[in-house]
N, C-alpha and C. Protein backbone atom coordinates (compact mmCIF):
# COMPACT_ATOMS: atom_id res chain seq x y z
N MET A 1 22.82 109.26 -78.34
CA MET A 1 21.69 109.08 -77.83
C MET A 1 21.44 110.12 -76.67
N LYS A 2 20.08 110.82 -76.94
CA LYS A 2 19.80 112.03 -76.26
C LYS A 2 19.11 111.62 -74.76
N ARG A 3 19.60 112.49 -73.90
CA ARG A 3 19.14 112.24 -72.43
C ARG A 3 18.43 113.15 -72.01
N ASP A 4 17.12 112.63 -71.28
CA ASP A 4 16.02 113.64 -70.79
C ASP A 4 16.57 114.02 -69.60
N GLU A 5 16.80 115.40 -69.60
CA GLU A 5 17.10 116.12 -68.23
C GLU A 5 16.08 116.58 -67.52
N SER A 6 14.77 116.32 -67.81
CA SER A 6 13.42 117.27 -67.00
C SER A 6 13.62 116.70 -65.65
N PRO A 7 13.79 115.25 -65.58
CA PRO A 7 13.51 114.67 -64.17
C PRO A 7 14.69 115.41 -63.21
N LEU A 8 15.66 115.84 -63.78
CA LEU A 8 16.57 116.39 -62.82
C LEU A 8 16.36 117.61 -62.53
N LEU A 9 15.58 118.55 -63.06
CA LEU A 9 15.16 119.77 -62.66
C LEU A 9 14.05 119.82 -61.85
N THR A 10 14.23 121.20 -61.02
CA THR A 10 13.01 121.45 -60.55
C THR A 10 11.81 122.11 -61.31
N PRO A 11 10.53 122.10 -61.00
CA PRO A 11 9.63 122.70 -61.66
C PRO A 11 9.86 124.06 -62.01
N ALA A 12 10.40 124.83 -61.05
CA ALA A 12 10.46 126.16 -61.20
C ALA A 12 11.63 126.34 -62.36
N ARG A 13 12.62 125.36 -62.34
CA ARG A 13 13.84 125.69 -63.47
C ARG A 13 13.21 125.35 -64.66
N LEU A 14 11.95 124.31 -64.80
CA LEU A 14 11.42 123.81 -66.02
C LEU A 14 10.58 125.21 -66.60
N GLN A 15 9.91 125.83 -65.63
CA GLN A 15 8.97 127.24 -65.94
C GLN A 15 10.12 128.22 -66.27
N GLU A 16 11.21 128.41 -65.66
CA GLU A 16 12.18 129.46 -66.51
C GLU A 16 12.65 128.91 -67.53
N ALA A 17 12.81 127.74 -67.86
CA ALA A 17 13.13 127.42 -69.50
C ALA A 17 11.97 127.72 -70.40
N ARG A 18 10.93 127.56 -70.02
CA ARG A 18 9.61 127.74 -70.93
C ARG A 18 9.63 129.24 -71.08
N GLU A 19 9.82 130.33 -70.00
CA GLU A 19 9.81 131.53 -70.21
C GLU A 19 10.69 131.82 -71.06
N LEU A 20 11.77 131.58 -71.19
CA LEU A 20 13.03 131.96 -71.94
C LEU A 20 12.67 131.62 -73.23
N GLY A 21 12.32 130.66 -73.47
CA GLY A 21 11.55 130.24 -74.80
C GLY A 21 10.46 131.25 -75.33
N GLU A 22 9.50 131.57 -74.56
CA GLU A 22 8.44 132.45 -74.82
C GLU A 22 8.96 133.88 -75.09
N LYS A 23 10.20 134.28 -74.38
CA LYS A 23 10.51 135.59 -74.70
C LYS A 23 11.35 135.57 -75.78
N LEU A 24 11.92 134.82 -76.29
CA LEU A 24 12.66 134.42 -77.67
C LEU A 24 11.59 134.55 -78.68
N ALA A 25 10.58 133.79 -78.45
CA ALA A 25 9.27 133.95 -79.43
C ALA A 25 8.83 135.28 -79.63
N ARG A 26 8.57 135.88 -78.48
CA ARG A 26 8.05 137.38 -78.65
C ARG A 26 9.01 138.16 -79.26
N LEU A 27 10.17 138.15 -79.06
CA LEU A 27 11.43 138.75 -79.63
C LEU A 27 11.43 138.59 -80.93
N ARG A 28 11.23 137.56 -81.56
CA ARG A 28 11.09 137.26 -82.95
C ARG A 28 9.87 137.82 -83.55
N MET A 29 8.78 137.60 -82.91
CA MET A 29 7.60 138.31 -83.65
C MET A 29 7.49 139.76 -83.48
N ALA A 30 8.11 140.26 -82.32
CA ALA A 30 8.26 141.79 -82.51
C ALA A 30 9.33 142.61 -83.56
N ARG A 31 10.28 141.62 -83.85
CA ARG A 31 10.96 141.98 -85.10
C ARG A 31 10.48 141.56 -86.21
N HIS A 32 9.40 140.92 -86.33
CA HIS A 32 8.64 140.57 -87.47
C HIS A 32 9.52 139.66 -88.54
N LEU A 33 9.89 138.80 -87.74
CA LEU A 33 10.73 137.52 -88.28
C LEU A 33 9.83 136.20 -88.31
N ARG A 34 9.71 135.37 -89.52
CA ARG A 34 9.47 134.14 -89.62
C ARG A 34 10.15 133.19 -88.75
N GLN A 35 9.79 132.34 -88.09
CA GLN A 35 10.58 131.30 -87.52
C GLN A 35 11.54 130.64 -88.40
N VAL A 36 11.19 130.33 -89.62
CA VAL A 36 12.07 129.57 -90.47
C VAL A 36 13.28 130.48 -90.97
N ASP A 37 13.08 131.78 -90.92
CA ASP A 37 14.08 132.81 -91.42
C ASP A 37 15.03 132.97 -90.52
N ALA A 38 14.62 133.14 -88.93
CA ALA A 38 15.24 133.22 -87.87
C ALA A 38 16.39 131.99 -87.67
N ALA A 39 15.89 130.65 -87.94
CA ALA A 39 16.24 129.59 -87.74
C ALA A 39 17.53 129.52 -88.86
N ALA A 40 17.03 129.92 -90.04
CA ALA A 40 18.25 129.78 -91.23
C ALA A 40 19.42 130.80 -90.84
N ARG A 41 19.12 131.90 -90.13
CA ARG A 41 20.17 132.76 -90.17
C ARG A 41 21.12 132.12 -89.03
N ALA A 42 20.51 131.59 -87.84
CA ALA A 42 21.17 130.94 -86.86
C ALA A 42 21.75 129.46 -87.18
N GLY A 43 21.70 128.95 -88.41
CA GLY A 43 22.26 127.82 -88.71
C GLY A 43 21.61 126.67 -88.06
N LEU A 44 20.15 126.75 -87.71
CA LEU A 44 19.39 125.71 -87.17
C LEU A 44 18.25 125.07 -87.98
N ALA A 45 17.95 123.98 -87.61
CA ALA A 45 16.39 123.71 -88.29
C ALA A 45 15.47 124.11 -87.89
N ARG A 46 14.24 124.44 -88.62
CA ARG A 46 13.24 125.00 -87.88
C ARG A 46 12.65 124.31 -86.75
N SER A 47 12.52 123.02 -86.97
CA SER A 47 12.27 122.37 -85.61
C SER A 47 13.05 122.48 -84.47
N THR A 48 14.22 122.96 -84.76
CA THR A 48 14.96 123.08 -83.72
C THR A 48 14.68 124.60 -82.87
N ALA A 49 14.32 125.61 -83.97
CA ALA A 49 13.99 126.81 -83.19
C ALA A 49 12.68 126.72 -82.59
N ALA A 50 11.56 125.66 -83.14
CA ALA A 50 10.68 125.68 -82.43
C ALA A 50 10.51 125.05 -81.14
N LEU A 51 11.80 123.95 -80.81
CA LEU A 51 11.76 123.54 -79.43
C LEU A 51 12.43 124.36 -78.70
N ILE A 52 13.40 125.36 -79.33
CA ILE A 52 14.06 126.51 -78.51
C ILE A 52 12.84 127.40 -78.00
N GLU A 53 11.74 127.75 -78.73
CA GLU A 53 10.84 128.57 -78.43
C GLU A 53 9.77 127.91 -77.19
N LYS A 54 9.69 126.62 -77.52
CA LYS A 54 8.87 126.01 -76.43
C LYS A 54 9.55 125.69 -75.11
N GLY A 55 10.96 126.05 -75.06
CA GLY A 55 11.80 125.86 -73.58
C GLY A 55 12.27 124.44 -73.40
N ASP A 56 12.20 123.89 -74.48
CA ASP A 56 13.06 122.35 -74.34
C ASP A 56 14.29 122.53 -73.85
N ILE A 57 14.71 121.82 -72.67
CA ILE A 57 15.92 122.17 -72.01
C ILE A 57 16.98 121.12 -72.78
N GLY A 58 16.70 120.39 -73.62
CA GLY A 58 17.49 119.70 -74.23
C GLY A 58 18.40 120.48 -75.24
N ARG A 59 17.97 121.67 -75.34
CA ARG A 59 18.95 122.54 -76.44
C ARG A 59 19.86 123.24 -75.83
N THR A 60 21.28 123.19 -76.53
CA THR A 60 22.41 123.69 -75.91
C THR A 60 22.22 125.36 -75.74
N GLN A 61 23.17 125.81 -74.91
CA GLN A 61 23.42 127.19 -74.58
C GLN A 61 23.76 127.92 -75.84
N ALA A 62 24.53 127.17 -76.84
CA ALA A 62 25.03 127.75 -77.84
C ALA A 62 23.96 128.06 -79.04
N GLN A 63 23.05 127.07 -78.93
CA GLN A 63 21.83 126.92 -79.96
C GLN A 63 21.04 128.03 -79.54
N ILE A 64 20.84 128.24 -78.29
CA ILE A 64 19.92 129.30 -77.88
C ILE A 64 20.78 130.82 -78.19
N LEU A 65 21.84 130.82 -77.89
CA LEU A 65 22.71 132.15 -78.22
C LEU A 65 22.79 132.41 -79.60
N ARG A 66 22.71 131.52 -80.45
CA ARG A 66 22.92 131.58 -82.12
C ARG A 66 21.57 132.16 -82.54
N TYR A 67 20.43 131.43 -81.78
CA TYR A 67 19.07 132.07 -82.13
C TYR A 67 18.85 133.39 -81.84
N LEU A 68 19.34 133.71 -80.53
CA LEU A 68 19.13 135.07 -80.22
C LEU A 68 19.77 136.09 -81.05
N GLU A 69 21.10 135.70 -81.43
CA GLU A 69 21.92 136.79 -82.23
C GLU A 69 21.21 136.67 -83.76
N ALA A 70 20.47 135.51 -84.28
CA ALA A 70 19.92 135.63 -85.51
C ALA A 70 18.62 136.66 -85.33
N ILE A 71 18.08 136.46 -84.35
CA ILE A 71 16.95 137.28 -84.24
C ILE A 71 17.31 138.85 -84.15
N ALA A 72 18.05 139.12 -83.12
CA ALA A 72 18.27 140.46 -82.60
C ALA A 72 19.83 140.67 -82.59
N PRO A 73 20.67 140.95 -83.50
CA PRO A 73 22.12 140.99 -83.56
C PRO A 73 22.45 142.09 -82.48
N GLY A 74 23.57 141.57 -81.63
CA GLY A 74 23.89 142.52 -80.49
C GLY A 74 23.15 142.70 -79.21
N VAL A 75 21.88 142.01 -79.11
CA VAL A 75 21.22 142.13 -77.90
C VAL A 75 21.56 140.89 -77.01
N SER A 76 21.84 141.29 -75.84
CA SER A 76 22.50 140.09 -74.85
C SER A 76 21.14 139.46 -74.20
N LEU A 77 21.61 138.15 -73.54
CA LEU A 77 20.60 137.63 -72.90
C LEU A 77 19.92 138.15 -71.82
N LEU A 78 20.74 139.21 -71.05
CA LEU A 78 20.06 139.93 -69.99
C LEU A 78 19.06 140.74 -70.70
N ALA A 79 19.47 141.56 -71.86
CA ALA A 79 18.63 142.58 -72.33
C ALA A 79 17.17 141.75 -72.63
N LEU A 80 17.51 140.67 -72.97
CA LEU A 80 16.16 139.64 -73.67
C LEU A 80 15.28 139.35 -72.25
N LEU A 81 16.05 139.05 -71.41
CA LEU A 81 15.29 138.65 -69.99
C LEU A 81 14.64 139.90 -69.16
N GLN A 82 15.18 140.98 -69.48
CA GLN A 82 14.65 142.35 -68.98
C GLN A 82 13.75 142.94 -69.81
N GLU A 83 13.56 142.39 -71.07
CA GLU A 83 12.81 142.98 -72.15
C GLU A 83 12.97 144.36 -72.24
N THR A 84 14.35 144.81 -72.30
CA THR A 84 14.66 146.12 -72.82
C THR A 84 14.56 146.72 -74.04
N ASP A 85 14.58 145.75 -75.06
CA ASP A 85 14.74 145.83 -76.41
C ASP A 85 13.69 146.78 -76.79
N PRO A 86 13.74 147.51 -77.67
CA PRO A 86 12.56 148.46 -78.28
C PRO A 86 11.58 147.76 -78.93
N ALA A 87 11.94 146.87 -79.72
CA ALA A 87 11.06 146.09 -80.36
C ALA A 87 9.92 145.34 -79.56
N LEU A 88 10.52 145.02 -78.52
CA LEU A 88 9.55 144.19 -77.19
C LEU A 88 8.66 145.17 -76.98
N GLN A 89 9.50 146.61 -76.46
CA GLN A 89 8.31 147.43 -75.59
C GLN A 89 7.46 147.91 -76.77
N ALA A 90 7.44 147.81 -77.92
CA ALA A 90 6.60 148.60 -79.04
C ALA A 90 5.63 147.47 -78.94
N LEU A 91 5.92 145.90 -78.92
CA LEU A 91 5.00 144.81 -79.09
C LEU A 91 3.93 145.05 -77.80
N SER A 92 4.68 145.13 -76.78
CA SER A 92 3.82 145.29 -75.46
C SER A 92 2.74 146.25 -75.39
N ALA A 93 3.19 147.52 -76.37
CA ALA A 93 2.32 148.63 -76.27
C ALA A 93 1.29 148.20 -77.28
N ARG A 94 1.52 147.48 -78.52
CA ARG A 94 0.44 147.57 -79.38
C ARG A 94 -0.57 146.28 -78.61
N GLU A 95 0.05 145.54 -77.61
CA GLU A 95 -1.10 144.72 -77.11
C GLU A 95 -1.88 145.12 -76.21
N LEU A 96 -1.65 146.17 -75.57
CA LEU A 96 -2.50 146.82 -74.66
C LEU A 96 -3.87 147.19 -75.20
N THR A 97 -4.84 147.02 -74.74
CA THR A 97 -6.27 147.53 -75.17
C THR A 97 -6.42 148.95 -75.08
N GLN A 98 -6.87 149.36 -76.00
CA GLN A 98 -7.00 150.95 -75.74
C GLN A 98 -8.45 151.30 -76.32
N ARG A 99 -8.94 152.23 -75.71
CA ARG A 99 -10.44 152.57 -75.88
C ARG A 99 -10.42 153.68 -77.34
N VAL A 100 -11.54 153.16 -77.99
CA VAL A 100 -11.41 154.10 -79.23
C VAL A 100 -11.86 155.44 -79.16
N ARG A 101 -12.79 155.61 -78.28
CA ARG A 101 -13.32 156.86 -77.98
C ARG A 101 -13.41 157.20 -76.38
N PRO A 102 -13.33 158.38 -76.06
CA PRO A 102 -13.45 158.71 -74.61
C PRO A 102 -15.05 158.57 -74.30
N LEU A 103 -15.00 158.12 -72.83
CA LEU A 103 -16.26 157.95 -72.11
C LEU A 103 -17.16 159.28 -72.51
N GLY A 104 -18.58 158.87 -72.67
CA GLY A 104 -19.31 160.22 -72.57
C GLY A 104 -19.72 160.33 -71.15
N ARG A 105 -20.60 161.54 -71.01
CA ARG A 105 -20.73 162.03 -69.63
C ARG A 105 -21.78 160.83 -69.07
N GLY A 106 -22.97 160.36 -69.60
CA GLY A 106 -23.89 159.31 -69.28
C GLY A 106 -22.99 158.10 -68.76
N GLU A 107 -22.16 157.86 -69.51
CA GLU A 107 -21.14 156.52 -69.35
C GLU A 107 -20.44 156.83 -68.08
N LEU A 108 -19.91 157.89 -67.80
CA LEU A 108 -19.03 158.25 -66.65
C LEU A 108 -20.05 158.28 -65.25
N GLU A 109 -21.04 158.83 -65.53
CA GLU A 109 -22.01 158.86 -64.48
C GLU A 109 -22.52 157.31 -63.94
N LYS A 110 -22.52 156.50 -65.12
CA LYS A 110 -22.74 155.00 -64.59
C LYS A 110 -21.70 154.66 -63.90
N LEU A 111 -20.57 154.83 -64.19
CA LEU A 111 -19.26 154.39 -63.35
C LEU A 111 -19.02 155.19 -62.07
N ASP A 112 -19.63 156.10 -61.53
CA ASP A 112 -19.34 157.02 -60.46
C ASP A 112 -20.57 156.39 -59.59
N PHE A 113 -19.54 155.85 -58.58
CA PHE A 113 -20.13 155.09 -57.22
C PHE A 113 -20.68 155.80 -56.21
């Protein structure tokens, strides 16, 4: 029988678990992997991969590390948390909004206070 650990953790620790799941999901997307493919590589069910990405605290450390290894072989958990992976940096750069064209003289004058 599975035991619910959430009442035993502080809200800050629960938030950290969610953030870890979000980082794994971002890394997977940055590497252009489908969740089902990453789960299959890790030997997990797709539903387990979904729970890992949601930050479910009932997942084991081994499951999380296997999932990370399936997404990015050789990338450490520390590198994931620090977001030093080049794929994550490229994803962040793509997510930044960029101007299509430079501001014209009139537009610049409107912004001059």
